[in-house]
Amino acid sequence: MATMSTTAPSTQSGGSWFSKTERWLDDKGKGAWIAAMVLGFIFFWPVGLALLFYMIWNKRMFSKSCTSRRMSSTMTTMRPTGNAAFDAYKSDTLRRLEDEQHNFEAFLERLREAKDKSEFDQFMDERAKAAKSED
């Protein structure tokens, strides 16, 4: 009995058929992913179900844009221009923006923790009042 390889064969022009299909669907947008999933359900329901699970697992259903578009804009942002002064300014600005993002995310985390604590304290107070009223 022959065993099947778990990886798809790659071609010279940029990867496996799966990665090519994924890139093509990403270029077309979220609608293409949804259309592929619907067609999968119509023609062979396990394919549609597999696409649905893949889209949810890969967070394609809930993101504003597809991964390849974000990656290409990131790659364009990081590409050097050849002007040393501008590149230094750009890297400094990007570093400051990353710091701001980190600080903002930390701030949001503190807000979530404070809200969680407040809600938990309210729950405990209501529970204590309910226990007192039962006595």
N, C-alpha and C. Protein backbone atom coordinates (compact mmCIF):
# COMPACT_ATOMS: atom_id res chain seq x y z
N MET A 1 0.85 -1.17 0.00
CA MET A 1 0.00 0.00 0.00
C MET A 1 0.90 1.24 0.00
N ALA A 2 0.68 2.12 -0.92
CA ALA A 2 1.50 3.34 -1.04
C ALA A 2 0.99 4.39 -0.06
N THR A 3 1.93 5.12 0.52
CA THR A 3 1.52 6.19 1.43
C THR A 3 1.52 7.51 0.67
N MET A 4 0.61 8.38 1.05
CA MET A 4 0.50 9.67 0.39
C MET A 4 1.25 10.71 1.20
N SER A 5 1.88 11.60 0.53
CA SER A 5 2.59 12.69 1.19
C SER A 5 1.58 13.69 1.72
N THR A 6 1.85 14.25 2.89
CA THR A 6 0.92 15.22 3.47
C THR A 6 1.16 16.62 2.97
N THR A 7 2.24 16.83 2.24
CA THR A 7 2.50 18.16 1.69
C THR A 7 2.25 18.13 0.21
N ALA A 8 1.69 19.22 -0.30
CA ALA A 8 1.41 19.30 -1.72
C ALA A 8 2.69 19.62 -2.47
N PRO A 9 2.84 19.09 -3.67
CA PRO A 9 4.05 19.40 -4.42
C PRO A 9 4.08 20.86 -4.82
N SER A 10 5.24 21.44 -4.80
CA SER A 10 5.33 22.84 -5.17
C SER A 10 5.86 22.96 -6.58
N THR A 11 5.48 24.05 -7.22
CA THR A 11 5.95 24.32 -8.57
C THR A 11 6.97 25.42 -8.50
N GLN A 12 7.62 25.68 -9.61
CA GLN A 12 8.67 26.69 -9.63
C GLN A 12 8.10 28.09 -9.51
N SER A 13 6.86 28.32 -9.83
CA SER A 13 6.34 29.68 -9.87
C SER A 13 5.73 30.14 -8.56
N GLY A 14 6.06 29.54 -7.43
CA GLY A 14 5.66 30.15 -6.18
C GLY A 14 4.85 29.33 -5.22
N GLY A 15 5.05 28.05 -5.11
CA GLY A 15 4.43 27.30 -4.04
C GLY A 15 3.43 26.27 -4.53
N SER A 16 2.72 25.69 -3.58
CA SER A 16 1.78 24.63 -3.86
C SER A 16 0.49 25.19 -4.48
N TRP A 17 -0.32 24.29 -4.99
CA TRP A 17 -1.60 24.69 -5.55
C TRP A 17 -2.45 25.34 -4.47
N PHE A 18 -2.31 24.84 -3.23
CA PHE A 18 -3.10 25.40 -2.13
C PHE A 18 -2.70 26.84 -1.86
N SER A 19 -1.40 27.11 -1.78
CA SER A 19 -0.97 28.48 -1.50
C SER A 19 -1.29 29.41 -2.67
N LYS A 20 -1.21 28.89 -3.90
CA LYS A 20 -1.59 29.71 -5.05
C LYS A 20 -3.08 30.05 -5.00
N THR A 21 -3.90 29.06 -4.68
CA THR A 21 -5.33 29.30 -4.58
C THR A 21 -5.64 30.28 -3.45
N GLU A 22 -4.96 30.11 -2.33
CA GLU A 22 -5.16 31.00 -1.19
C GLU A 22 -4.79 32.43 -1.56
N ARG A 23 -3.65 32.61 -2.23
CA ARG A 23 -3.24 33.96 -2.67
C ARG A 23 -4.25 34.55 -3.65
N TRP A 24 -4.73 33.72 -4.58
CA TRP A 24 -5.70 34.19 -5.56
C TRP A 24 -6.98 34.65 -4.87
N LEU A 25 -7.48 33.86 -3.93
CA LEU A 25 -8.69 34.23 -3.20
C LEU A 25 -8.45 35.48 -2.35
N ASP A 26 -7.27 35.60 -1.73
CA ASP A 26 -6.94 36.79 -0.96
C ASP A 26 -6.95 38.03 -1.85
N ASP A 27 -6.40 37.90 -3.06
CA ASP A 27 -6.38 39.05 -3.98
C ASP A 27 -7.78 39.48 -4.37
N LYS A 28 -8.69 38.52 -4.48
CA LYS A 28 -10.08 38.83 -4.86
C LYS A 28 -10.90 39.37 -3.69
N GLY A 29 -10.48 39.10 -2.46
CA GLY A 29 -11.17 39.63 -1.29
C GLY A 29 -12.02 38.61 -0.57
N LYS A 30 -12.69 39.10 0.48
CA LYS A 30 -13.49 38.23 1.34
C LYS A 30 -14.66 37.60 0.58
N GLY A 31 -15.21 38.32 -0.38
CA GLY A 31 -16.33 37.79 -1.17
C GLY A 31 -15.95 36.53 -1.92
N ALA A 32 -14.71 36.47 -2.41
CA ALA A 32 -14.26 35.27 -3.12
C ALA A 32 -14.19 34.08 -2.18
N TRP A 33 -13.74 34.31 -0.96
CA TRP A 33 -13.70 33.23 0.03
C TRP A 33 -15.11 32.72 0.32
N ILE A 34 -16.04 33.65 0.48
CA ILE A 34 -17.42 33.26 0.78
C ILE A 34 -18.03 32.52 -0.41
N ALA A 35 -17.77 33.01 -1.64
CA ALA A 35 -18.28 32.34 -2.84
C ALA A 35 -17.70 30.92 -2.95
N ALA A 36 -16.41 30.77 -2.67
CA ALA A 36 -15.80 29.45 -2.73
C ALA A 36 -16.44 28.52 -1.70
N MET A 37 -16.71 29.05 -0.51
CA MET A 37 -17.33 28.23 0.52
C MET A 37 -18.74 27.81 0.09
N VAL A 38 -19.52 28.74 -0.44
CA VAL A 38 -20.89 28.43 -0.88
C VAL A 38 -20.87 27.39 -2.00
N LEU A 39 -19.97 27.58 -2.97
CA LEU A 39 -19.86 26.60 -4.05
C LEU A 39 -19.42 25.24 -3.51
N GLY A 40 -18.56 25.25 -2.52
CA GLY A 40 -18.17 24.00 -1.89
C GLY A 40 -19.35 23.29 -1.26
N PHE A 41 -20.22 24.06 -0.57
CA PHE A 41 -21.43 23.45 0.02
C PHE A 41 -22.36 22.92 -1.07
N ILE A 42 -22.47 23.64 -2.18
CA ILE A 42 -23.38 23.23 -3.25
C ILE A 42 -22.90 21.95 -3.91
N PHE A 43 -21.63 21.88 -4.29
CA PHE A 43 -21.14 20.75 -5.05
C PHE A 43 -20.76 19.55 -4.19
N PHE A 44 -20.15 19.79 -3.03
CA PHE A 44 -19.76 18.69 -2.15
C PHE A 44 -19.64 19.27 -0.76
N TRP A 45 -20.64 19.06 0.09
CA TRP A 45 -20.75 19.78 1.35
C TRP A 45 -19.52 19.68 2.26
N PRO A 46 -18.76 18.57 2.28
CA PRO A 46 -17.57 18.56 3.14
C PRO A 46 -16.53 19.62 2.73
N VAL A 47 -16.45 19.92 1.43
CA VAL A 47 -15.52 20.96 0.98
C VAL A 47 -15.95 22.32 1.53
N GLY A 48 -17.23 22.62 1.45
CA GLY A 48 -17.73 23.88 1.99
C GLY A 48 -17.51 23.98 3.48
N LEU A 49 -17.74 22.88 4.18
CA LEU A 49 -17.53 22.85 5.63
C LEU A 49 -16.05 23.04 5.96
N ALA A 50 -15.19 22.38 5.19
CA ALA A 50 -13.75 22.53 5.41
C ALA A 50 -13.32 23.97 5.17
N LEU A 51 -13.83 24.60 4.12
CA LEU A 51 -13.50 26.01 3.86
C LEU A 51 -14.01 26.91 4.97
N LEU A 52 -15.20 26.65 5.47
CA LEU A 52 -15.74 27.44 6.58
C LEU A 52 -14.85 27.34 7.81
N PHE A 53 -14.47 26.12 8.17
CA PHE A 53 -13.59 25.94 9.33
C PHE A 53 -12.23 26.60 9.10
N TYR A 54 -11.71 26.49 7.87
CA TYR A 54 -10.42 27.11 7.58
C TYR A 54 -10.52 28.63 7.69
N MET A 55 -11.60 29.20 7.19
CA MET A 55 -11.77 30.66 7.24
C MET A 55 -11.91 31.14 8.68
N ILE A 56 -12.61 30.39 9.50
CA ILE A 56 -12.76 30.77 10.91
C ILE A 56 -11.44 30.58 11.64
N TRP A 57 -10.77 29.46 11.42
CA TRP A 57 -9.50 29.18 12.09
C TRP A 57 -8.45 30.21 11.69
N ASN A 58 -8.44 30.60 10.43
CA ASN A 58 -7.47 31.54 9.92
C ASN A 58 -7.92 32.99 10.13
N LYS A 59 -9.07 33.18 10.73
CA LYS A 59 -9.66 34.47 11.04
C LYS A 59 -9.94 35.31 9.79
N ARG A 60 -10.20 34.66 8.68
CA ARG A 60 -10.52 35.38 7.44
C ARG A 60 -11.94 35.93 7.48
N MET A 61 -12.84 35.26 8.19
CA MET A 61 -14.23 35.71 8.22
C MET A 61 -14.39 37.00 9.01
N PHE A 62 -13.51 37.24 9.97
CA PHE A 62 -13.72 38.33 10.89
C PHE A 62 -12.72 39.47 10.73
N SER A 63 -11.82 39.35 9.76
CA SER A 63 -10.84 40.42 9.55
C SER A 63 -11.37 41.40 8.51
N LYS A 64 -10.87 42.62 8.57
CA LYS A 64 -11.33 43.64 7.63
C LYS A 64 -10.76 43.43 6.25
N SER A 65 -9.58 42.87 6.15
CA SER A 65 -8.98 42.59 4.85
C SER A 65 -8.23 41.28 4.94
N CYS A 66 -7.85 40.77 3.82
CA CYS A 66 -7.16 39.49 3.78
C CYS A 66 -5.69 39.65 4.12
N THR A 67 -5.08 38.57 4.51
CA THR A 67 -3.71 38.58 5.01
C THR A 67 -2.72 39.10 3.99
N SER A 68 -2.82 38.68 2.76
CA SER A 68 -1.80 39.07 1.77
C SER A 68 -1.79 40.57 1.55
N ARG A 69 -2.93 41.22 1.60
CA ARG A 69 -2.96 42.66 1.41
C ARG A 69 -2.25 43.36 2.56
N ARG A 70 -2.45 42.88 3.77
CA ARG A 70 -1.76 43.47 4.92
C ARG A 70 -0.26 43.23 4.81
N MET A 71 0.11 42.03 4.40
CA MET A 71 1.53 41.71 4.29
C MET A 71 2.20 42.56 3.22
N SER A 72 1.52 42.77 2.08
CA SER A 72 2.15 43.55 1.02
C SER A 72 2.31 45.01 1.44
N SER A 73 1.36 45.56 2.18
CA SER A 73 1.51 46.95 2.64
C SER A 73 2.61 47.05 3.69
N THR A 74 2.77 46.03 4.52
CA THR A 74 3.85 46.02 5.50
C THR A 74 5.20 45.94 4.81
N MET A 75 5.29 45.12 3.78
CA MET A 75 6.55 44.99 3.05
C MET A 75 6.90 46.30 2.36
N THR A 76 5.91 47.02 1.82
CA THR A 76 6.16 48.30 1.18
C THR A 76 6.63 49.32 2.20
N THR A 77 6.07 49.30 3.39
CA THR A 77 6.44 50.24 4.44
C THR A 77 7.88 50.03 4.87
N MET A 78 8.34 48.80 4.92
CA MET A 78 9.67 48.50 5.43
C MET A 78 10.77 48.59 4.37
N ARG A 79 10.41 48.75 3.12
CA ARG A 79 11.40 48.80 2.04
C ARG A 79 12.19 50.11 2.11
N PRO A 80 13.52 50.06 2.06
CA PRO A 80 14.32 51.29 2.11
C PRO A 80 14.16 52.10 0.82
N THR A 81 14.22 53.42 0.96
CA THR A 81 14.06 54.30 -0.20
C THR A 81 15.38 54.64 -0.86
N GLY A 82 16.49 54.49 -0.14
CA GLY A 82 17.78 54.88 -0.66
C GLY A 82 18.24 56.22 -0.10
N ASN A 83 17.33 56.99 0.45
CA ASN A 83 17.68 58.27 1.07
C ASN A 83 17.89 58.00 2.56
N ALA A 84 19.12 58.13 3.03
CA ALA A 84 19.47 57.77 4.40
C ALA A 84 18.71 58.61 5.42
N ALA A 85 18.57 59.91 5.17
CA ALA A 85 17.87 60.78 6.12
C ALA A 85 16.40 60.39 6.23
N PHE A 86 15.77 60.16 5.08
CA PHE A 86 14.36 59.79 5.11
C PHE A 86 14.17 58.43 5.76
N ASP A 87 15.04 57.47 5.43
CA ASP A 87 14.94 56.13 6.02
C ASP A 87 15.11 56.18 7.53
N ALA A 88 16.02 57.02 8.03
CA ALA A 88 16.21 57.17 9.48
C ALA A 88 14.96 57.78 10.10
N TYR A 89 14.41 58.81 9.45
CA TYR A 89 13.17 59.44 9.94
C TYR A 89 12.03 58.43 9.96
N LYS A 90 11.92 57.65 8.87
CA LYS A 90 10.83 56.67 8.78
C LYS A 90 10.97 55.61 9.86
N SER A 91 12.17 55.10 10.06
CA SER A 91 12.35 54.05 11.08
C SER A 91 12.08 54.60 12.48
N ASP A 92 12.49 55.84 12.74
CA ASP A 92 12.22 56.45 14.04
C ASP A 92 10.72 56.65 14.24
N THR A 93 10.03 57.11 13.21
CA THR A 93 8.59 57.31 13.29
C THR A 93 7.86 55.98 13.50
N LEU A 94 8.27 54.96 12.76
CA LEU A 94 7.64 53.65 12.92
C LEU A 94 7.88 53.09 14.32
N ARG A 95 9.10 53.29 14.85
CA ARG A 95 9.40 52.83 16.21
C ARG A 95 8.50 53.55 17.21
N ARG A 96 8.35 54.88 17.05
CA ARG A 96 7.50 55.64 17.97
C ARG A 96 6.04 55.18 17.86
N LEU A 97 5.58 54.90 16.65
CA LEU A 97 4.21 54.41 16.47
C LEU A 97 4.02 53.03 17.10
N GLU A 98 5.02 52.18 16.98
CA GLU A 98 4.94 50.87 17.62
C GLU A 98 4.89 51.02 19.14
N ASP A 99 5.68 51.96 19.69
CA ASP A 99 5.64 52.23 21.13
C ASP A 99 4.25 52.73 21.54
N GLU A 100 3.70 53.65 20.73
CA GLU A 100 2.35 54.17 21.02
C GLU A 100 1.33 53.04 20.99
N GLN A 101 1.44 52.17 20.00
CA GLN A 101 0.51 51.05 19.90
C GLN A 101 0.64 50.15 21.14
N HIS A 102 1.88 49.86 21.53
CA HIS A 102 2.10 49.02 22.71
C HIS A 102 1.50 49.68 23.95
N ASN A 103 1.74 50.98 24.12
CA ASN A 103 1.19 51.70 25.28
C ASN A 103 -0.33 51.71 25.25
N PHE A 104 -0.91 51.90 24.06
CA PHE A 104 -2.37 51.91 23.96
C PHE A 104 -2.95 50.53 24.27
N GLU A 105 -2.31 49.47 23.77
CA GLU A 105 -2.78 48.12 24.08
C GLU A 105 -2.67 47.82 25.57
N ALA A 106 -1.61 48.31 26.21
CA ALA A 106 -1.47 48.13 27.66
C ALA A 106 -2.56 48.89 28.39
N PHE A 107 -2.87 50.10 27.91
CA PHE A 107 -3.95 50.89 28.50
C PHE A 107 -5.29 50.17 28.37
N LEU A 108 -5.56 49.62 27.18
CA LEU A 108 -6.81 48.89 26.99
C LEU A 108 -6.88 47.67 27.90
N GLU A 109 -5.75 47.00 28.08
CA GLU A 109 -5.72 45.83 28.97
C GLU A 109 -6.03 46.24 30.40
N ARG A 110 -5.45 47.37 30.84
CA ARG A 110 -5.76 47.86 32.20
C ARG A 110 -7.24 48.22 32.32
N LEU A 111 -7.82 48.82 31.28
CA LEU A 111 -9.25 49.13 31.31
C LEU A 111 -10.09 47.86 31.42
N ARG A 112 -9.72 46.85 30.63
CA ARG A 112 -10.47 45.58 30.69
C ARG A 112 -10.37 44.96 32.08
N GLU A 113 -9.16 44.99 32.65
CA GLU A 113 -8.98 44.42 33.98
C GLU A 113 -9.79 45.19 35.02
N ALA A 114 -9.82 46.52 34.92
CA ALA A 114 -10.60 47.33 35.86
C ALA A 114 -12.09 47.04 35.70
N LYS A 115 -12.54 46.91 34.46
CA LYS A 115 -13.95 46.60 34.22
C LYS A 115 -14.29 45.22 34.77
N ASP A 116 -13.42 44.24 34.51
CA ASP A 116 -13.65 42.90 35.04
C ASP A 116 -13.71 42.90 36.56
N LYS A 117 -12.80 43.64 37.20
CA LYS A 117 -12.79 43.71 38.65
C LYS A 117 -14.06 44.37 39.16
N SER A 118 -14.47 45.45 38.49
CA SER A 118 -15.69 46.15 38.90
C SER A 118 -16.91 45.23 38.78
N GLU A 119 -17.01 44.51 37.66
CA GLU A 119 -18.13 43.59 37.47
C GLU A 119 -18.09 42.46 38.48
N PHE A 120 -16.90 41.94 38.79
CA PHE A 120 -16.78 40.88 39.77
C PHE A 120 -17.17 41.39 41.16
N ASP A 121 -16.70 42.59 41.53
CA ASP A 121 -17.06 43.17 42.83
C ASP A 121 -18.57 43.38 42.93
N GLN A 122 -19.19 43.84 41.83
CA GLN A 122 -20.64 44.03 41.83
C GLN A 122 -21.34 42.67 42.02
N PHE A 123 -20.85 41.64 41.34
CA PHE A 123 -21.42 40.30 41.49
C PHE A 123 -21.31 39.83 42.93
N MET A 124 -20.15 40.03 43.54
CA MET A 124 -19.95 39.58 44.92
C MET A 124 -20.85 40.36 45.88
N ASP A 125 -21.01 41.67 45.64
CA ASP A 125 -21.90 42.47 46.49
C ASP A 125 -23.34 41.99 46.38
N GLU A 126 -23.80 41.74 45.16
CA GLU A 126 -25.17 41.24 44.97
C GLU A 126 -25.35 39.87 45.61
N ARG A 127 -24.35 39.05 45.51
CA ARG A 127 -24.41 37.72 46.14
C ARG A 127 -24.47 37.83 47.65
N ALA A 128 -23.67 38.75 48.22
CA ALA A 128 -23.70 38.94 49.67
C ALA A 128 -25.04 39.48 50.12
N LYS A 129 -25.63 40.41 49.35
CA LYS A 129 -26.96 40.94 49.70
C LYS A 129 -28.02 39.85 49.64
N ALA A 130 -27.91 39.00 48.63
CA ALA A 130 -28.88 37.89 48.49
C ALA A 130 -28.74 36.92 49.67
N ALA A 131 -27.51 36.68 50.11
CA ALA A 131 -27.27 35.78 51.25
C ALA A 131 -27.83 36.37 52.52
N LYS A 132 -27.68 37.71 52.71
CA LYS A 132 -28.22 38.37 53.90
C LYS A 132 -29.75 38.33 53.92
N SER A 133 -30.35 38.51 52.74
CA SER A 133 -31.81 38.53 52.69
C SER A 133 -32.41 37.16 52.92
N GLU A 134 -31.65 36.09 52.68
CA GLU A 134 -32.13 34.73 52.91
C GLU A 134 -32.12 34.39 54.40
N ASP A 135 -31.22 35.05 55.16
CA ASP A 135 -31.10 34.74 56.59
C ASP A 135 -32.20 35.30 57.38
